[in-house]
N, C-alpha and C. Protein backbone atom coordinates (compact mmCIF):
# COMPACT_ATOMS: atom_id res chain seq x y z
N MET A 1 18.05 -10.54 19.68
CA MET A 1 17.03 -10.74 18.66
C MET A 1 16.64 -9.39 18.08
N ALA A 2 16.56 -9.30 16.77
CA ALA A 2 16.25 -8.05 16.08
C ALA A 2 14.78 -7.68 16.29
N GLU A 3 14.54 -6.38 16.38
CA GLU A 3 13.18 -5.89 16.51
C GLU A 3 12.44 -6.13 15.19
N SER A 4 11.19 -6.58 15.27
CA SER A 4 10.45 -6.85 14.04
C SER A 4 10.02 -5.52 13.41
N THR A 5 9.90 -5.56 12.10
CA THR A 5 9.49 -4.38 11.35
C THR A 5 7.97 -4.23 11.42
N VAL A 6 7.50 -3.06 11.05
CA VAL A 6 6.06 -2.81 10.98
C VAL A 6 5.42 -3.82 10.03
N PHE A 7 6.08 -4.10 8.92
CA PHE A 7 5.53 -5.04 7.95
C PHE A 7 5.45 -6.45 8.53
N GLU A 8 6.47 -6.88 9.23
CA GLU A 8 6.45 -8.20 9.88
C GLU A 8 5.35 -8.26 10.93
N GLN A 9 5.15 -7.18 11.67
CA GLN A 9 4.08 -7.13 12.66
C GLN A 9 2.72 -7.24 11.98
N LEU A 10 2.58 -6.61 10.83
CA LEU A 10 1.34 -6.71 10.06
C LEU A 10 1.08 -8.15 9.63
N LEU A 11 2.11 -8.81 9.11
CA LEU A 11 1.97 -10.21 8.69
C LEU A 11 1.57 -11.09 9.87
N GLN A 12 2.19 -10.87 11.01
CA GLN A 12 1.88 -11.66 12.21
C GLN A 12 0.45 -11.42 12.66
N ALA A 13 0.02 -10.17 12.66
CA ALA A 13 -1.34 -9.85 13.08
C ALA A 13 -2.36 -10.45 12.13
N ALA A 14 -2.10 -10.39 10.83
CA ALA A 14 -3.03 -10.96 9.85
C ALA A 14 -3.12 -12.47 10.01
N ALA A 15 -1.98 -13.11 10.24
CA ALA A 15 -1.97 -14.58 10.40
C ALA A 15 -2.68 -15.01 11.68
N ALA A 16 -2.73 -14.14 12.67
CA ALA A 16 -3.33 -14.49 13.96
C ALA A 16 -4.85 -14.30 13.98
N GLN A 17 -5.42 -13.74 12.93
CA GLN A 17 -6.87 -13.49 12.91
C GLN A 17 -7.63 -14.80 12.79
N PRO A 18 -8.82 -14.86 13.38
CA PRO A 18 -9.59 -16.11 13.34
C PRO A 18 -10.10 -16.47 11.95
N ASP A 19 -10.37 -15.47 11.12
CA ASP A 19 -10.82 -15.73 9.75
C ASP A 19 -9.70 -15.42 8.77
N PRO A 20 -9.66 -16.12 7.63
CA PRO A 20 -8.61 -15.87 6.63
C PRO A 20 -8.60 -14.42 6.17
N GLN A 21 -7.41 -13.91 5.94
CA GLN A 21 -7.20 -12.52 5.56
C GLN A 21 -6.60 -12.43 4.16
N ARG A 22 -6.85 -11.31 3.53
CA ARG A 22 -6.13 -10.92 2.32
C ARG A 22 -5.52 -9.56 2.63
N LEU A 23 -4.28 -9.38 2.23
CA LEU A 23 -3.63 -8.09 2.37
C LEU A 23 -3.69 -7.41 1.02
N LEU A 24 -4.12 -6.16 1.03
CA LEU A 24 -4.32 -5.39 -0.18
C LEU A 24 -3.25 -4.31 -0.27
N PHE A 25 -2.63 -4.18 -1.43
CA PHE A 25 -1.53 -3.24 -1.64
C PHE A 25 -1.83 -2.35 -2.84
N VAL A 26 -1.66 -1.05 -2.65
CA VAL A 26 -1.73 -0.09 -3.75
C VAL A 26 -0.39 0.64 -3.77
N PHE A 27 0.32 0.51 -4.88
CA PHE A 27 1.63 1.15 -5.06
C PHE A 27 1.41 2.46 -5.80
N ALA A 28 2.05 3.53 -5.31
CA ALA A 28 1.82 4.85 -5.88
C ALA A 28 3.14 5.62 -5.99
N ALA A 29 3.11 6.61 -6.87
CA ALA A 29 4.27 7.50 -7.05
C ALA A 29 3.77 8.93 -7.03
N ALA A 30 4.65 9.82 -6.61
CA ALA A 30 4.33 11.25 -6.62
C ALA A 30 4.48 11.79 -8.03
N GLU A 31 3.50 12.55 -8.45
CA GLU A 31 3.53 13.20 -9.76
C GLU A 31 3.21 14.67 -9.57
N LEU A 32 3.69 15.47 -10.46
CA LEU A 32 3.41 16.89 -10.42
C LEU A 32 2.15 17.16 -11.23
N PRO A 33 1.12 17.72 -10.62
CA PRO A 33 -0.10 18.03 -11.38
C PRO A 33 0.17 19.04 -12.49
N ALA A 34 -0.56 18.94 -13.56
CA ALA A 34 -0.36 19.83 -14.70
C ALA A 34 -0.59 21.29 -14.34
N ASP A 35 -1.48 21.54 -13.37
CA ASP A 35 -1.79 22.92 -12.99
C ASP A 35 -0.98 23.40 -11.79
N ALA A 36 0.16 22.78 -11.53
CA ALA A 36 0.98 23.13 -10.37
C ALA A 36 1.49 24.57 -10.47
N THR A 37 1.56 25.21 -9.32
CA THR A 37 2.09 26.57 -9.25
C THR A 37 3.61 26.52 -9.30
N PRO A 38 4.26 27.65 -9.54
CA PRO A 38 5.72 27.67 -9.51
C PRO A 38 6.29 27.20 -8.16
N VAL A 39 5.65 27.57 -7.07
CA VAL A 39 6.12 27.12 -5.75
C VAL A 39 6.00 25.60 -5.64
N GLN A 40 4.88 25.06 -6.10
CA GLN A 40 4.70 23.60 -6.07
C GLN A 40 5.73 22.91 -6.95
N ARG A 41 6.03 23.49 -8.08
CA ARG A 41 7.03 22.90 -8.98
C ARG A 41 8.41 22.89 -8.31
N GLU A 42 8.75 23.95 -7.62
CA GLU A 42 10.03 24.03 -6.92
C GLU A 42 10.10 22.99 -5.81
N ARG A 43 9.04 22.87 -5.04
CA ARG A 43 9.00 21.86 -3.97
C ARG A 43 9.14 20.45 -4.55
N PHE A 44 8.45 20.21 -5.65
CA PHE A 44 8.51 18.89 -6.28
C PHE A 44 9.94 18.60 -6.76
N ALA A 45 10.60 19.61 -7.31
CA ALA A 45 11.98 19.45 -7.78
C ALA A 45 12.91 19.12 -6.62
N GLN A 46 12.54 19.54 -5.41
CA GLN A 46 13.33 19.25 -4.21
C GLN A 46 12.93 17.93 -3.56
N GLY A 47 12.02 17.18 -4.22
CA GLY A 47 11.61 15.89 -3.69
C GLY A 47 10.49 15.96 -2.67
N ARG A 48 9.76 17.07 -2.67
CA ARG A 48 8.66 17.23 -1.72
C ARG A 48 7.40 17.59 -2.50
N GLY A 49 6.26 17.18 -1.97
CA GLY A 49 5.00 17.56 -2.58
C GLY A 49 4.63 16.69 -3.78
N GLY A 50 3.68 17.17 -4.53
CA GLY A 50 3.15 16.43 -5.66
C GLY A 50 1.86 15.72 -5.27
N ALA A 51 1.28 15.04 -6.20
CA ALA A 51 0.06 14.26 -5.98
C ALA A 51 0.40 12.78 -6.14
N LEU A 52 -0.16 11.96 -5.26
CA LEU A 52 0.10 10.53 -5.36
C LEU A 52 -0.82 9.90 -6.40
N GLU A 53 -0.22 9.18 -7.31
CA GLU A 53 -0.97 8.50 -8.38
C GLU A 53 -0.78 7.00 -8.24
N PRO A 54 -1.87 6.25 -8.07
CA PRO A 54 -1.75 4.79 -8.00
C PRO A 54 -1.19 4.24 -9.30
N LEU A 55 -0.26 3.30 -9.18
CA LEU A 55 0.38 2.68 -10.35
C LEU A 55 -0.02 1.22 -10.52
N ALA A 56 -0.22 0.53 -9.42
CA ALA A 56 -0.53 -0.90 -9.47
C ALA A 56 -1.17 -1.30 -8.15
N CYS A 57 -1.94 -2.37 -8.19
CA CYS A 57 -2.50 -2.91 -6.95
C CYS A 57 -2.48 -4.43 -7.04
N VAL A 58 -2.42 -5.03 -5.86
CA VAL A 58 -2.33 -6.48 -5.78
C VAL A 58 -2.84 -6.93 -4.41
N ASP A 59 -3.28 -8.17 -4.34
CA ASP A 59 -3.66 -8.74 -3.05
C ASP A 59 -2.86 -10.01 -2.82
N ARG A 60 -2.59 -10.30 -1.57
CA ARG A 60 -1.83 -11.50 -1.20
C ARG A 60 -2.37 -12.06 0.12
N ARG A 61 -2.29 -13.37 0.26
CA ARG A 61 -2.52 -13.99 1.56
C ARG A 61 -1.28 -13.71 2.42
N PRO A 62 -1.44 -13.60 3.72
CA PRO A 62 -0.26 -13.36 4.57
C PRO A 62 0.83 -14.41 4.41
N ASP A 63 0.44 -15.67 4.16
CA ASP A 63 1.46 -16.72 4.02
C ASP A 63 2.18 -16.68 2.68
N GLU A 64 1.73 -15.83 1.77
CA GLU A 64 2.42 -15.66 0.48
C GLU A 64 3.55 -14.64 0.56
N LEU A 65 3.66 -13.98 1.70
CA LEU A 65 4.66 -12.93 1.89
C LEU A 65 5.62 -13.33 2.99
N SER A 66 6.88 -13.00 2.81
CA SER A 66 7.86 -13.32 3.84
C SER A 66 8.48 -12.06 4.44
N THR A 67 8.89 -11.15 3.59
CA THR A 67 9.52 -9.92 4.06
C THR A 67 9.08 -8.76 3.18
N PHE A 68 9.29 -7.58 3.68
CA PHE A 68 9.00 -6.39 2.88
C PHE A 68 9.90 -6.34 1.67
N GLU A 69 11.15 -6.74 1.84
CA GLU A 69 12.10 -6.73 0.73
C GLU A 69 11.62 -7.63 -0.41
N ALA A 70 11.03 -8.78 -0.08
CA ALA A 70 10.51 -9.68 -1.11
C ALA A 70 9.33 -9.03 -1.85
N LEU A 71 8.46 -8.33 -1.11
CA LEU A 71 7.36 -7.62 -1.74
C LEU A 71 7.89 -6.54 -2.69
N VAL A 72 8.89 -5.80 -2.24
CA VAL A 72 9.48 -4.76 -3.08
C VAL A 72 10.07 -5.36 -4.35
N ALA A 73 10.82 -6.45 -4.20
CA ALA A 73 11.44 -7.09 -5.37
C ALA A 73 10.38 -7.54 -6.36
N GLU A 74 9.30 -8.14 -5.87
CA GLU A 74 8.22 -8.59 -6.76
C GLU A 74 7.58 -7.39 -7.44
N SER A 75 7.33 -6.33 -6.68
CA SER A 75 6.66 -5.17 -7.25
C SER A 75 7.53 -4.48 -8.31
N ARG A 76 8.82 -4.50 -8.14
CA ARG A 76 9.72 -3.83 -9.08
C ARG A 76 9.73 -4.53 -10.44
N THR A 77 9.39 -5.82 -10.47
CA THR A 77 9.32 -6.53 -11.75
C THR A 77 7.96 -6.40 -12.41
N ALA A 78 6.94 -6.00 -11.62
CA ALA A 78 5.58 -6.00 -12.14
C ALA A 78 4.97 -4.61 -12.31
N SER A 79 5.61 -3.57 -11.79
CA SER A 79 5.01 -2.24 -11.89
C SER A 79 6.09 -1.19 -12.11
N PRO A 80 5.67 -0.01 -12.52
CA PRO A 80 6.63 1.10 -12.64
C PRO A 80 7.20 1.44 -11.26
N PRO A 81 8.29 2.18 -11.21
CA PRO A 81 8.86 2.57 -9.92
C PRO A 81 7.84 3.33 -9.06
N TRP A 82 7.79 2.99 -7.80
CA TRP A 82 6.84 3.60 -6.88
C TRP A 82 7.60 4.15 -5.67
N GLN A 83 6.92 5.02 -4.93
CA GLN A 83 7.52 5.64 -3.75
C GLN A 83 6.78 5.31 -2.47
N VAL A 84 5.50 4.98 -2.59
CA VAL A 84 4.65 4.75 -1.43
C VAL A 84 3.78 3.53 -1.70
N VAL A 85 3.60 2.70 -0.67
CA VAL A 85 2.64 1.60 -0.79
C VAL A 85 1.62 1.74 0.34
N PHE A 86 0.36 1.61 -0.03
CA PHE A 86 -0.74 1.64 0.92
C PHE A 86 -1.17 0.21 1.15
N VAL A 87 -1.35 -0.17 2.42
CA VAL A 87 -1.66 -1.54 2.77
C VAL A 87 -2.91 -1.57 3.65
N ALA A 88 -3.80 -2.50 3.35
CA ALA A 88 -4.99 -2.71 4.17
C ALA A 88 -5.26 -4.20 4.26
N GLY A 89 -5.96 -4.59 5.27
CA GLY A 89 -6.36 -5.98 5.43
C GLY A 89 -7.83 -6.14 5.12
N LEU A 90 -8.18 -7.30 4.60
CA LEU A 90 -9.57 -7.63 4.30
C LEU A 90 -9.84 -9.00 4.89
N SER A 91 -10.79 -9.04 5.80
CA SER A 91 -11.08 -10.28 6.51
C SER A 91 -12.16 -11.09 5.81
N GLY A 92 -11.99 -12.40 5.89
CA GLY A 92 -13.04 -13.30 5.43
C GLY A 92 -14.09 -13.45 6.52
N ARG A 93 -15.01 -14.39 6.32
CA ARG A 93 -16.06 -14.63 7.30
C ARG A 93 -16.32 -16.13 7.40
N ASP A 94 -16.65 -16.53 8.62
CA ASP A 94 -17.05 -17.92 8.87
C ASP A 94 -16.02 -18.91 8.36
N GLY A 95 -14.73 -18.58 8.53
CA GLY A 95 -13.66 -19.49 8.13
C GLY A 95 -13.32 -19.47 6.66
N ARG A 96 -14.04 -18.64 5.88
CA ARG A 96 -13.77 -18.54 4.44
C ARG A 96 -13.04 -17.24 4.14
N PRO A 97 -12.13 -17.27 3.17
CA PRO A 97 -11.43 -16.03 2.79
C PRO A 97 -12.39 -15.09 2.06
N PRO A 98 -12.00 -13.83 1.94
CA PRO A 98 -12.82 -12.90 1.15
C PRO A 98 -12.94 -13.40 -0.29
N SER A 99 -14.06 -13.14 -0.91
CA SER A 99 -14.27 -13.55 -2.30
C SER A 99 -13.45 -12.67 -3.22
N ASP A 100 -13.25 -13.14 -4.44
CA ASP A 100 -12.55 -12.34 -5.45
C ASP A 100 -13.27 -11.01 -5.68
N GLN A 101 -14.60 -11.04 -5.66
CA GLN A 101 -15.38 -9.81 -5.86
C GLN A 101 -15.14 -8.83 -4.72
N GLU A 102 -15.07 -9.33 -3.49
CA GLU A 102 -14.80 -8.45 -2.34
C GLU A 102 -13.40 -7.85 -2.44
N VAL A 103 -12.45 -8.67 -2.84
CA VAL A 103 -11.07 -8.19 -2.99
C VAL A 103 -11.02 -7.11 -4.07
N ASP A 104 -11.62 -7.40 -5.23
CA ASP A 104 -11.61 -6.42 -6.33
C ASP A 104 -12.28 -5.12 -5.93
N ALA A 105 -13.42 -5.20 -5.25
CA ALA A 105 -14.13 -3.99 -4.82
C ALA A 105 -13.30 -3.20 -3.81
N SER A 106 -12.64 -3.89 -2.91
CA SER A 106 -11.82 -3.21 -1.91
C SER A 106 -10.59 -2.57 -2.53
N LEU A 107 -9.95 -3.25 -3.48
CA LEU A 107 -8.80 -2.65 -4.17
C LEU A 107 -9.23 -1.42 -4.97
N THR A 108 -10.36 -1.50 -5.64
CA THR A 108 -10.88 -0.35 -6.39
C THR A 108 -11.14 0.82 -5.45
N ALA A 109 -11.73 0.53 -4.30
CA ALA A 109 -12.00 1.59 -3.32
C ALA A 109 -10.69 2.20 -2.81
N MET A 110 -9.66 1.37 -2.59
CA MET A 110 -8.36 1.89 -2.15
C MET A 110 -7.74 2.78 -3.21
N VAL A 111 -7.74 2.32 -4.46
CA VAL A 111 -7.17 3.11 -5.56
C VAL A 111 -7.89 4.46 -5.66
N ASN A 112 -9.21 4.44 -5.61
CA ASN A 112 -9.98 5.69 -5.69
C ASN A 112 -9.70 6.57 -4.47
N GLY A 113 -9.55 5.97 -3.31
CA GLY A 113 -9.22 6.73 -2.11
C GLY A 113 -7.87 7.42 -2.22
N VAL A 114 -6.87 6.71 -2.75
CA VAL A 114 -5.55 7.32 -2.94
C VAL A 114 -5.67 8.50 -3.89
N ARG A 115 -6.42 8.34 -4.95
CA ARG A 115 -6.59 9.44 -5.92
C ARG A 115 -7.25 10.67 -5.28
N ARG A 116 -8.14 10.43 -4.31
CA ARG A 116 -8.83 11.53 -3.63
C ARG A 116 -8.06 12.02 -2.41
N GLY A 117 -6.96 11.35 -2.07
CA GLY A 117 -6.21 11.74 -0.88
C GLY A 117 -6.84 11.22 0.40
N GLU A 118 -7.66 10.18 0.29
CA GLU A 118 -8.36 9.59 1.44
C GLU A 118 -7.77 8.21 1.72
N PHE A 119 -6.76 8.17 2.57
CA PHE A 119 -6.11 6.89 2.85
C PHE A 119 -5.72 6.75 4.31
N CYS A 120 -6.47 7.40 5.19
CA CYS A 120 -6.14 7.36 6.62
C CYS A 120 -6.34 5.97 7.23
N GLY A 121 -7.11 5.10 6.60
CA GLY A 121 -7.33 3.76 7.14
C GLY A 121 -6.29 2.75 6.71
N CYS A 122 -5.29 3.19 5.99
CA CYS A 122 -4.27 2.28 5.45
C CYS A 122 -2.95 2.45 6.19
N LEU A 123 -2.21 1.37 6.26
CA LEU A 123 -0.81 1.45 6.65
C LEU A 123 -0.08 1.98 5.42
N THR A 124 0.74 2.98 5.61
CA THR A 124 1.45 3.60 4.49
C THR A 124 2.94 3.46 4.74
N LEU A 125 3.64 2.88 3.77
CA LEU A 125 5.08 2.64 3.90
C LEU A 125 5.82 3.23 2.71
N ASP A 126 7.05 3.69 2.97
CA ASP A 126 7.89 4.11 1.86
C ASP A 126 8.58 2.89 1.27
N ALA A 127 9.40 3.09 0.27
CA ALA A 127 10.02 1.96 -0.44
C ALA A 127 11.05 1.22 0.41
N GLN A 128 11.41 1.77 1.57
CA GLN A 128 12.32 1.08 2.49
C GLN A 128 11.57 0.40 3.62
N GLY A 129 10.24 0.49 3.60
CA GLY A 129 9.42 -0.16 4.62
C GLY A 129 9.19 0.70 5.86
N GLN A 130 9.55 1.97 5.79
CA GLN A 130 9.35 2.88 6.92
C GLN A 130 7.94 3.46 6.86
N PRO A 131 7.27 3.48 8.00
CA PRO A 131 5.92 4.04 8.03
C PRO A 131 5.91 5.53 7.69
N LEU A 132 4.88 5.93 6.96
CA LEU A 132 4.65 7.33 6.62
C LEU A 132 3.34 7.75 7.26
N GLU A 133 3.25 9.00 7.62
CA GLU A 133 2.02 9.50 8.23
C GLU A 133 1.55 10.70 7.44
N PHE A 134 0.33 10.59 6.92
CA PHE A 134 -0.27 11.67 6.16
C PHE A 134 -1.43 12.32 6.89
N CYS A 135 -2.02 11.60 7.81
CA CYS A 135 -3.26 12.07 8.46
C CYS A 135 -2.98 12.79 9.76
């Protein structure tokens, strides 16, 4: 039996929670800041460094997702090319899922956090579903 991926483990954990969950996704790409130094520009040209810029965000129920590959395929039709996805869970209460307002507020907070470089509370995956560590 194949070992489950981090994404599959996330789906299983979300589905096992007593209250309904929403999974929140912020897709981002590395960009070179306008005020980058020559050293930063060289690193960026080598595929390293840059600033992460959120491109799109979406929320899904765990049962709306099957595999990371399916999420990637959906995202590729709906957003510009991305390199990193930040994932967080949002729990409902008393058997009810989170409200649309709670989801919107949480996605906005995630997008703003990515812009500030504050994303230690998120699962971070590359486009192949491999975990990334920034913190």
